[in-house]
């Protein structure tokens, strides 16, 4: 999977996938062979952080 470079587009894509298809960020990353830390860092740039209870970036 190729992720958008724009952090806002990335946020939208990942939250949609988490909501509709994956039970956790870890699950999403493993399924798509992605680095979880890189995603977190990119979204922290726009002040979004992963919330495990909600299974989304908020």
PDB file of N, CA and C in Angstrom:
ATOM      1  N   UNK A   1       0.839  -1.171   0.000  1.00  0.00           N
ATOM      2  CA  UNK A   1       0.000   0.000   0.000  1.00  0.00           C
ATOM      3  C   UNK A   1       0.889   1.241   0.000  1.00  0.00           C
ATOM      4  N   UNK A   2       0.562   2.176  -0.834  1.00  0.00           N
ATOM      5  CA  UNK A   2       1.264   3.448  -0.864  1.00  0.00           C
ATOM      6  C   UNK A   2       0.450   4.462  -0.074  1.00  0.00           C
ATOM      7  N   UNK A   3       1.090   5.085   0.882  1.00  0.00           N
ATOM      8  CA  UNK A   3       0.395   6.049   1.733  1.00  0.00           C
ATOM      9  C   UNK A   3       0.539   7.459   1.183  1.00  0.00           C
ATOM     10  N   UNK A   4      -0.479   8.285   1.390  1.00  0.00           N
ATOM     11  CA  UNK A   4      -0.370   9.684   0.966  1.00  0.00           C
ATOM     12  C   UNK A   4       0.750  10.392   1.730  1.00  0.00           C
ATOM     13  N   UNK A   5       1.418  11.301   1.077  1.00  0.00           N
ATOM     14  CA  UNK A   5       2.480  12.073   1.717  1.00  0.00           C
ATOM     15  C   UNK A   5       1.903  13.196   2.577  1.00  0.00           C
ATOM     16  N   UNK A   6       0.782  13.718   2.174  1.00  0.00           N
ATOM     17  CA  UNK A   6       0.125  14.787   2.926  1.00  0.00           C
ATOM     18  C   UNK A   6      -0.432  14.211   4.233  1.00  0.00           C
ATOM     19  N   UNK A   7      -0.049  14.757   5.390  1.00  0.00           N
ATOM     20  CA  UNK A   7      -0.497  14.207   6.674  1.00  0.00           C
ATOM     21  C   UNK A   7      -2.022  14.221   6.863  1.00  0.00           C
ATOM     22  N   UNK A   8      -2.700  15.215   6.325  1.00  0.00           N
ATOM     23  CA  UNK A   8      -4.160  15.282   6.484  1.00  0.00           C
ATOM     24  C   UNK A   8      -4.834  14.175   5.669  1.00  0.00           C
ATOM     25  N   UNK A   9      -4.324  13.931   4.487  1.00  0.00           N
ATOM     26  CA  UNK A   9      -4.862  12.835   3.667  1.00  0.00           C
ATOM     27  C   UNK A   9      -4.543  11.487   4.319  1.00  0.00           C
ATOM     28  N   UNK A  10      -3.365  11.376   4.888  1.00  0.00           N
ATOM     29  CA  UNK A  10      -2.976  10.163   5.595  1.00  0.00           C
ATOM     30  C   UNK A  10      -3.914   9.909   6.774  1.00  0.00           C
ATOM     31  N   UNK A  11      -4.187  10.936   7.516  1.00  0.00           N
ATOM     32  CA  UNK A  11      -5.111  10.834   8.653  1.00  0.00           C
ATOM     33  C   UNK A  11      -6.465  10.296   8.202  1.00  0.00           C
ATOM     34  N   UNK A  12      -7.000  10.866   7.167  1.00  0.00           N
ATOM     35  CA  UNK A  12      -8.303  10.439   6.655  1.00  0.00           C
ATOM     36  C   UNK A  12      -8.286   8.975   6.230  1.00  0.00           C
ATOM     37  N   UNK A  13      -7.272   8.598   5.477  1.00  0.00           N
ATOM     38  CA  UNK A  13      -7.160   7.218   5.010  1.00  0.00           C
ATOM     39  C   UNK A  13      -7.050   6.235   6.166  1.00  0.00           C
ATOM     40  N   UNK A  14      -6.155   6.513   7.082  1.00  0.00           N
ATOM     41  CA  UNK A  14      -5.927   5.565   8.179  1.00  0.00           C
ATOM     42  C   UNK A  14      -7.138   5.472   9.101  1.00  0.00           C
ATOM     43  N   UNK A  15      -7.738   6.583   9.455  1.00  0.00           N
ATOM     44  CA  UNK A  15      -8.915   6.503  10.329  1.00  0.00           C
ATOM     45  C   UNK A  15     -10.062   5.764   9.655  1.00  0.00           C
ATOM     46  N   UNK A  16     -10.199   5.916   8.362  1.00  0.00           N
ATOM     47  CA  UNK A  16     -11.233   5.170   7.637  1.00  0.00           C
ATOM     48  C   UNK A  16     -10.937   3.677   7.669  1.00  0.00           C
ATOM     49  N   UNK A  17      -9.700   3.324   7.396  1.00  0.00           N
ATOM     50  CA  UNK A  17      -9.321   1.904   7.425  1.00  0.00           C
ATOM     51  C   UNK A  17      -9.490   1.320   8.826  1.00  0.00           C
ATOM     52  N   UNK A  18      -9.092   2.068   9.836  1.00  0.00           N
ATOM     53  CA  UNK A  18      -9.241   1.588  11.211  1.00  0.00           C
ATOM     54  C   UNK A  18     -10.711   1.397  11.569  1.00  0.00           C
ATOM     55  N   UNK A  19     -11.518   2.311  11.143  1.00  0.00           N
ATOM     56  CA  UNK A  19     -12.954   2.228  11.446  1.00  0.00           C
ATOM     57  C   UNK A  19     -13.613   1.053  10.731  1.00  0.00           C
ATOM     58  N   UNK A  20     -13.281   0.878   9.453  1.00  0.00           N
ATOM     59  CA  UNK A  20     -14.015  -0.080   8.620  1.00  0.00           C
ATOM     60  C   UNK A  20     -13.404  -1.475   8.527  1.00  0.00           C
ATOM     61  N   UNK A  21     -12.079  -1.580   8.720  1.00  0.00           N
ATOM     62  CA  UNK A  21     -11.445  -2.863   8.414  1.00  0.00           C
ATOM     63  C   UNK A  21     -10.522  -3.441   9.472  1.00  0.00           C
ATOM     64  N   UNK A  22      -9.947  -2.610  10.315  1.00  0.00           N
ATOM     65  CA  UNK A  22      -8.918  -3.110  11.228  1.00  0.00           C
ATOM     66  C   UNK A  22      -9.270  -2.858  12.686  1.00  0.00           C
ATOM     67  N   UNK A  23      -8.905  -3.799  13.520  1.00  0.00           N
ATOM     68  CA  UNK A  23      -9.235  -3.694  14.947  1.00  0.00           C
ATOM     69  C   UNK A  23      -8.211  -2.889  15.736  1.00  0.00           C
ATOM     70  N   UNK A  24      -7.051  -2.604  15.106  1.00  0.00           N
ATOM     71  CA  UNK A  24      -6.015  -1.821  15.786  1.00  0.00           C
ATOM     72  C   UNK A  24      -5.047  -1.262  14.752  1.00  0.00           C
ATOM     73  N   UNK A  25      -4.261  -0.292  15.186  1.00  0.00           N
ATOM     74  CA  UNK A  25      -3.224   0.258  14.312  1.00  0.00           C
ATOM     75  C   UNK A  25      -2.179  -0.816  14.012  1.00  0.00           C
ATOM     76  N   UNK A  26      -1.850  -1.603  14.991  1.00  0.00           N
ATOM     77  CA  UNK A  26      -0.892  -2.694  14.797  1.00  0.00           C
ATOM     78  C   UNK A  26      -1.391  -3.655  13.712  1.00  0.00           C
ATOM     79  N   UNK A  27      -2.649  -4.013  13.766  1.00  0.00           N
ATOM     80  CA  UNK A  27      -3.264  -4.893  12.777  1.00  0.00           C
ATOM     81  C   UNK A  27      -3.181  -4.265  11.377  1.00  0.00           C
ATOM     82  N   UNK A  28      -3.525  -2.998  11.289  1.00  0.00           N
ATOM     83  CA  UNK A  28      -3.458  -2.281  10.006  1.00  0.00           C
ATOM     84  C   UNK A  28      -2.040  -2.294   9.445  1.00  0.00           C
ATOM     85  N   UNK A  29      -1.066  -2.004  10.279  1.00  0.00           N
ATOM     86  CA  UNK A  29       0.327  -1.946   9.830  1.00  0.00           C
ATOM     87  C   UNK A  29       0.840  -3.312   9.398  1.00  0.00           C
ATOM     88  N   UNK A  30       0.518  -4.327  10.147  1.00  0.00           N
ATOM     89  CA  UNK A  30       0.961  -5.676   9.771  1.00  0.00           C
ATOM     90  C   UNK A  30       0.315  -6.119   8.465  1.00  0.00           C
ATOM     91  N   UNK A  31      -0.957  -5.847   8.336  1.00  0.00           N
ATOM     92  CA  UNK A  31      -1.685  -6.247   7.132  1.00  0.00           C
ATOM     93  C   UNK A  31      -1.127  -5.567   5.880  1.00  0.00           C
ATOM     94  N   UNK A  32      -0.648  -4.338   6.041  1.00  0.00           N
ATOM     95  CA  UNK A  32      -0.178  -3.562   4.898  1.00  0.00           C
ATOM     96  C   UNK A  32       1.339  -3.401   4.849  1.00  0.00           C
ATOM     97  N   UNK A  33       2.018  -4.125   5.724  1.00  0.00           N
ATOM     98  CA  UNK A  33       3.481  -4.094   5.785  1.00  0.00           C
ATOM     99  C   UNK A  33       4.006  -2.656   5.918  1.00  0.00           C
ATOM    100  N   UNK A  34       3.505  -1.958   6.934  1.00  0.00           N
ATOM    101  CA  UNK A  34       3.865  -0.560   7.180  1.00  0.00           C
ATOM    102  C   UNK A  34       4.518  -0.413   8.545  1.00  0.00           C
ATOM    103  N   UNK A  35       5.278   0.646   8.697  1.00  0.00           N
ATOM    104  CA  UNK A  35       5.945   0.934   9.956  1.00  0.00           C
ATOM    105  C   UNK A  35       5.046   1.819  10.826  1.00  0.00           C
ATOM    106  N   UNK A  36       4.620   1.284  11.936  1.00  0.00           N
ATOM    107  CA  UNK A  36       3.707   1.989  12.839  1.00  0.00           C
ATOM    108  C   UNK A  36       4.312   3.282  13.380  1.00  0.00           C
ATOM    109  N   UNK A  37       5.571   3.245  13.745  1.00  0.00           N
ATOM    110  CA  UNK A  37       6.228   4.436  14.293  1.00  0.00           C
ATOM    111  C   UNK A  37       6.291   5.572  13.279  1.00  0.00           C
ATOM    112  N   UNK A  38       6.536   5.258  12.033  1.00  0.00           N
ATOM    113  CA  UNK A  38       6.587   6.291  10.994  1.00  0.00           C
ATOM    114  C   UNK A  38       5.230   6.961  10.822  1.00  0.00           C
ATOM    115  N   UNK A  39       4.188   6.172  10.863  1.00  0.00           N
ATOM    116  CA  UNK A  39       2.831   6.726  10.740  1.00  0.00           C
ATOM    117  C   UNK A  39       2.535   7.635  11.923  1.00  0.00           C
ATOM    118  N   UNK A  40       2.851   7.167  13.110  1.00  0.00           N
ATOM    119  CA  UNK A  40       2.608   7.975  14.307  1.00  0.00           C
ATOM    120  C   UNK A  40       3.364   9.298  14.252  1.00  0.00           C
ATOM    121  N   UNK A  41       4.622   9.249  13.851  1.00  0.00           N
ATOM    122  CA  UNK A  41       5.434  10.464  13.770  1.00  0.00           C
ATOM    123  C   UNK A  41       4.856  11.451  12.759  1.00  0.00           C
ATOM    124  N   UNK A  42       4.434  10.936  11.629  1.00  0.00           N
ATOM    125  CA  UNK A  42       3.890  11.815  10.601  1.00  0.00           C
ATOM    126  C   UNK A  42       2.605  12.496  11.076  1.00  0.00           C
ATOM    127  N   UNK A  43       1.776  11.765  11.780  1.00  0.00           N
ATOM    128  CA  UNK A  43       0.514  12.347  12.245  1.00  0.00           C
ATOM    129  C   UNK A  43       0.702  13.214  13.486  1.00  0.00           C
ATOM    130  N   UNK A  44       1.743  12.970  14.233  1.00  0.00           N
ATOM    131  CA  UNK A  44       2.071  13.852  15.358  1.00  0.00           C
ATOM    132  C   UNK A  44       2.452  15.244  14.859  1.00  0.00           C
ATOM    133  N   UNK A  45       2.942  15.318  13.632  1.00  0.00           N
ATOM    134  CA  UNK A  45       3.296  16.612  13.040  1.00  0.00           C
ATOM    135  C   UNK A  45       2.077  17.532  12.931  1.00  0.00           C
ATOM    136  N   UNK A  46       0.905  16.944  12.824  1.00  0.00           N
ATOM    137  CA  UNK A  46      -0.324  17.753  12.760  1.00  0.00           C
ATOM    138  C   UNK A  46      -1.151  17.578  14.044  1.00  0.00           C
ATOM    139  N   UNK A  47      -0.456  17.161  15.091  1.00  0.00           N
ATOM    140  CA  UNK A  47      -1.029  17.057  16.439  1.00  0.00           C
ATOM    141  C   UNK A  47      -2.154  16.023  16.563  1.00  0.00           C
ATOM    142  N   UNK A  48      -1.966  14.882  15.902  1.00  0.00           N
ATOM    143  CA  UNK A  48      -2.888  13.752  16.055  1.00  0.00           C
ATOM    144  C   UNK A  48      -2.121  12.589  16.650  1.00  0.00           C
ATOM    145  N   UNK A  49      -2.776  11.896  17.584  1.00  0.00           N
ATOM    146  CA  UNK A  49      -2.147  10.791  18.291  1.00  0.00           C
ATOM    147  C   UNK A  49      -3.117   9.610  18.311  1.00  0.00           C
ATOM    148  N   UNK A  50      -2.544   8.435  18.237  1.00  0.00           N
ATOM    149  CA  UNK A  50      -3.376   7.239  18.216  1.00  0.00           C
ATOM    150  C   UNK A  50      -3.995   6.981  19.583  1.00  0.00           C
ATOM    151  N   UNK A  51      -5.305   6.768  19.603  1.00  0.00           N
ATOM    152  CA  UNK A  51      -6.041   6.446  20.809  1.00  0.00           C
ATOM    153  C   UNK A  51      -6.505   4.992  20.674  1.00  0.00           C
ATOM    154  N   UNK A  52      -5.926   4.112  21.479  1.00  0.00           N
ATOM    155  CA  UNK A  52      -6.247   2.685  21.377  1.00  0.00           C
ATOM    156  C   UNK A  52      -7.707   2.394  21.716  1.00  0.00           C
ATOM    157  N   UNK A  53      -8.244   3.074  22.699  1.00  0.00           N
ATOM    158  CA  UNK A  53      -9.630   2.828  23.108  1.00  0.00           C
ATOM    159  C   UNK A  53     -10.617   3.145  21.981  1.00  0.00           C
ATOM    160  N   UNK A  54     -10.324   4.192  21.255  1.00  0.00           N
ATOM    161  CA  UNK A  54     -11.203   4.615  20.158  1.00  0.00           C
ATOM    162  C   UNK A  54     -10.791   4.013  18.808  1.00  0.00           C
ATOM    163  N   UNK A  55      -9.586   3.447  18.774  1.00  0.00           N
ATOM    164  CA  UNK A  55      -9.028   2.889  17.554  1.00  0.00           C
ATOM    165  C   UNK A  55      -9.033   3.923  16.422  1.00  0.00           C
ATOM    166  N   UNK A  56      -8.540   5.083  16.747  1.00  0.00           N
ATOM    167  CA  UNK A  56      -8.411   6.138  15.737  1.00  0.00           C
ATOM    168  C   UNK A  56      -7.419   7.177  16.187  1.00  0.00           C
ATOM    169  N   UNK A  57      -7.002   7.995  15.263  1.00  0.00           N
ATOM    170  CA  UNK A  57      -6.143   9.130  15.593  1.00  0.00           C
ATOM    171  C   UNK A  57      -7.043  10.306  15.933  1.00  0.00           C
ATOM    172  N   UNK A  58      -6.751  10.904  17.072  1.00  0.00           N
ATOM    173  CA  UNK A  58      -7.555  12.050  17.531  1.00  0.00           C
ATOM    174  C   UNK A  58      -6.647  13.203  17.922  1.00  0.00           C
TER     175      UNK A  58
END
